[in-house]
C-alpha atoms as a PDB file:
ATOM      1  CA  ALA A   1       8.065 -10.362   2.539  1.00  0.00           C
ATOM      2  CA  ILE A   2       7.005  -6.734   2.579  1.00  0.00           C
ATOM      3  CA  SER A   3       9.662  -4.063   2.331  1.00  0.00           C
ATOM      4  CA  GLU A   4      10.149  -1.565   5.136  1.00  0.00           C
ATOM      5  CA  SER A   5       9.155   1.380   2.960  1.00  0.00           C
ATOM      6  CA  GLN A   6       5.989  -0.401   1.828  1.00  0.00           C
ATOM      7  CA  GLU A   7       5.144  -1.235   5.424  1.00  0.00           C
ATOM      8  CA  ARG A   8       5.597   2.392   6.443  1.00  0.00           C
ATOM      9  CA  MET A   9       3.404   3.500   3.543  1.00  0.00           C
ATOM     10  CA  ALA A  10       0.661   1.100   4.584  1.00  0.00           C
ATOM     11  CA  VAL A  11       0.700   2.592   8.075  1.00  0.00           C
ATOM     12  CA  VAL A  12       0.268   6.206   6.958  1.00  0.00           C
ATOM     13  CA  ILE A  13      -2.092   5.459   4.068  1.00  0.00           C
ATOM     14  CA  ASP A  14      -5.381   7.332   4.006  1.00  0.00           C
ATOM     15  CA  PRO A  15      -8.452   5.122   4.499  1.00  0.00           C
ATOM     16  CA  LYS A  16     -10.000   6.679   1.386  1.00  0.00           C
ATOM     17  CA  ASP A  17      -6.924   5.627  -0.602  1.00  0.00           C
ATOM     18  CA  VAL A  18      -6.897   2.015   0.567  1.00  0.00           C
ATOM     19  CA  ASP A  19      -8.697   0.743  -2.531  1.00  0.00           C
ATOM     20  CA  LYS A  20      -6.351   2.695  -4.793  1.00  0.00           C
ATOM     21  CA  PHE A  21      -3.343   1.426  -2.865  1.00  0.00           C
ATOM     22  CA  LEU A  22      -4.480  -2.184  -2.986  1.00  0.00           C
ATOM     23  CA  GLY A  23      -5.076  -1.916  -6.720  1.00  0.00           C
ATOM     24  CA  PHE A  24      -1.616  -0.430  -7.192  1.00  0.00           C
ATOM     25  CA  ALA A  25      -0.018  -3.106  -5.061  1.00  0.00           C
ATOM     26  CA  LYS A  26      -1.831  -5.832  -6.984  1.00  0.00           C
ATOM     27  CA  GLU A  27      -0.606  -4.334 -10.267  1.00  0.00           C
ATOM     28  CA  LYS A  28       2.997  -4.261  -9.062  1.00  0.00           C
ATOM     29  CA  THR A  29       2.968  -7.845  -7.865  1.00  0.00           C
END
């Protein structure tokens, strides 16, 4: 399950930062 804060972050994330975000998320998991 995704946390509310993470969900909110995903909504406002910049398209150019998607790759960076996905990499960060993968590292945290």
